[in-house]
Amino acid sequence: MTKSLVLMPQAIESLGDIAGWTIERFGQRQALAYRAILDSRFASVANGVAARRPLSQLTERPEHEEVLLASAGRHLIMFVEDADSIYVLDVVHQRRDLSRLAFPDDPANKEAQ
């Protein structure tokens, strides 16, 4: 069953940033091609066929279990899901500190700064 896909405000902002950066460096054609890759991956996530893993596998923190990741080009789609929907929290470059990004108010992340 295909779930509905909901882009949260941070995900929408990040997609705009990705598009702007790609246009600036590689041009409109490449930005459109990369967006097609992202859109295809969003569809795979919504259809339940995209490989996914919990954020906790990277952070080794069980409280991060509910946030899931799926690769898309050089980015990671961060999302949570319920029975009917996928909620895309953000789309981040694979080199970002995901624990700090997903949980900025976590005291453990503030200590690492």
Protein backbone atom coordinates (compact mmCIF):
# COMPACT_ATOMS: atom_id res chain seq x y z
CA MET A 1 0.00 0.00 0.00
CA THR A 2 1.31 3.42 -0.93
CA LYS A 3 1.33 5.84 1.96
CA SER A 4 0.74 9.55 1.54
CA LEU A 5 3.93 11.60 1.59
CA VAL A 6 3.98 14.79 3.64
CA LEU A 7 6.91 17.19 3.29
CA MET A 8 7.44 19.02 6.55
CA PRO A 9 8.55 22.69 6.42
CA GLN A 10 12.24 21.91 7.02
CA ALA A 11 12.21 19.36 4.17
CA ILE A 12 10.67 21.92 1.81
CA GLU A 13 13.31 24.48 2.80
CA SER A 14 16.12 21.96 2.31
CA LEU A 15 14.85 20.95 -1.13
CA GLY A 16 14.89 24.63 -2.13
CA ASP A 17 18.45 24.96 -0.83
CA ILE A 18 19.54 21.82 -2.71
CA ALA A 19 17.98 23.13 -5.92
CA GLY A 20 19.58 26.57 -5.53
CA TRP A 21 23.01 25.13 -4.80
CA THR A 22 22.79 22.72 -7.74
CA ILE A 23 21.61 25.42 -10.17
CA GLU A 24 24.39 27.75 -9.04
CA ARG A 25 27.12 25.17 -9.54
CA PHE A 26 25.85 22.87 -12.29
CA GLY A 27 22.92 24.58 -14.00
CA GLN A 28 19.18 24.16 -14.35
CA ARG A 29 19.34 20.88 -16.28
CA GLN A 30 21.35 19.14 -13.56
CA ALA A 31 19.08 20.54 -10.84
CA LEU A 32 16.06 19.09 -12.61
CA ALA A 33 17.82 15.74 -13.06
CA TYR A 34 18.74 15.60 -9.38
CA ARG A 35 15.23 16.57 -8.33
CA ALA A 36 13.94 13.65 -10.44
CA ILE A 37 16.25 11.34 -8.47
CA LEU A 38 14.88 12.72 -5.20
CA ASP A 39 11.26 12.46 -6.39
CA SER A 40 11.81 8.85 -7.45
CA ARG A 41 13.21 8.05 -4.03
CA PHE A 42 10.28 9.78 -2.30
CA ALA A 43 7.97 7.51 -4.31
CA SER A 44 10.00 4.44 -3.27
CA VAL A 45 9.76 5.48 0.38
CA ALA A 46 6.00 6.03 0.09
CA ASN A 47 5.58 2.63 -1.62
CA GLY A 48 7.60 0.90 1.10
CA VAL A 49 10.25 -0.43 -1.27
CA ALA A 50 13.15 1.92 -0.44
CA ALA A 51 15.88 0.51 1.75
CA ARG A 52 15.68 2.25 5.09
CA ARG A 53 17.44 2.18 8.39
CA PRO A 54 16.79 3.82 11.73
CA LEU A 55 18.85 6.85 12.67
CA SER A 56 19.81 4.92 15.81
CA GLN A 57 22.11 2.72 13.71
CA LEU A 58 24.28 5.79 13.11
CA THR A 59 23.93 7.48 16.48
CA GLU A 60 23.86 4.30 18.60
CA ARG A 61 21.08 5.88 20.66
CA PRO A 62 17.84 3.90 21.04
CA GLU A 63 15.74 7.07 21.35
CA HIS A 64 16.55 7.78 17.68
CA GLU A 65 14.88 4.53 16.56
CA GLU A 66 11.69 6.16 15.22
CA VAL A 67 13.50 8.44 12.75
CA LEU A 68 14.23 6.52 9.54
CA LEU A 69 16.72 7.25 6.77
CA ALA A 70 16.71 6.43 3.07
CA SER A 71 19.53 7.32 0.68
CA ALA A 72 18.84 9.55 -2.30
CA GLY A 73 21.86 10.52 -4.37
CA ARG A 74 24.27 12.23 -1.99
CA HIS A 75 21.47 13.01 0.43
CA LEU A 76 19.52 11.23 3.11
CA ILE A 77 15.77 11.48 3.48
CA MET A 78 14.90 11.68 7.18
CA PHE A 79 11.36 10.59 7.94
CA VAL A 80 8.92 9.10 10.38
CA GLU A 81 5.86 7.12 9.48
CA ASP A 82 2.53 6.03 10.82
CA ALA A 83 -0.01 3.58 9.41
CA ASP A 84 -1.10 5.91 6.58
CA SER A 85 1.61 8.51 5.99
CA ILE A 86 5.30 9.22 5.59
CA TYR A 87 6.39 12.52 7.14
CA VAL A 88 9.61 13.76 5.55
CA LEU A 89 11.38 15.72 8.26
CA ASP A 90 14.36 16.83 6.21
CA VAL A 91 16.61 16.02 3.27
CA VAL A 92 20.23 16.37 4.33
CA HIS A 93 23.64 15.83 2.80
CA GLN A 94 25.13 12.50 3.79
CA ARG A 95 28.05 14.25 5.53
CA ARG A 96 25.88 16.13 8.07
CA ASP A 97 25.96 15.33 11.79
CA LEU A 98 22.56 13.66 11.86
CA SER A 99 22.23 13.33 15.60
CA ARG A 100 22.82 17.03 16.16
CA LEU A 101 20.54 17.92 13.27
CA ALA A 102 17.64 15.70 14.33
CA PHE A 103 17.88 16.49 18.04
CA PRO A 104 19.47 19.94 18.47
CA ASP A 105 18.19 20.38 22.04
CA ASP A 106 19.60 17.06 23.21
CA PRO A 107 22.13 17.74 26.00
CA ALA A 108 24.50 15.11 24.55
CA ASN A 109 24.72 17.14 21.32
CA LYS A 110 25.41 20.37 23.16
CA GLU A 111 28.28 18.75 25.05
CA ALA A 112 29.89 17.65 21.77
CA GLN A 113 30.14 21.24 20.48
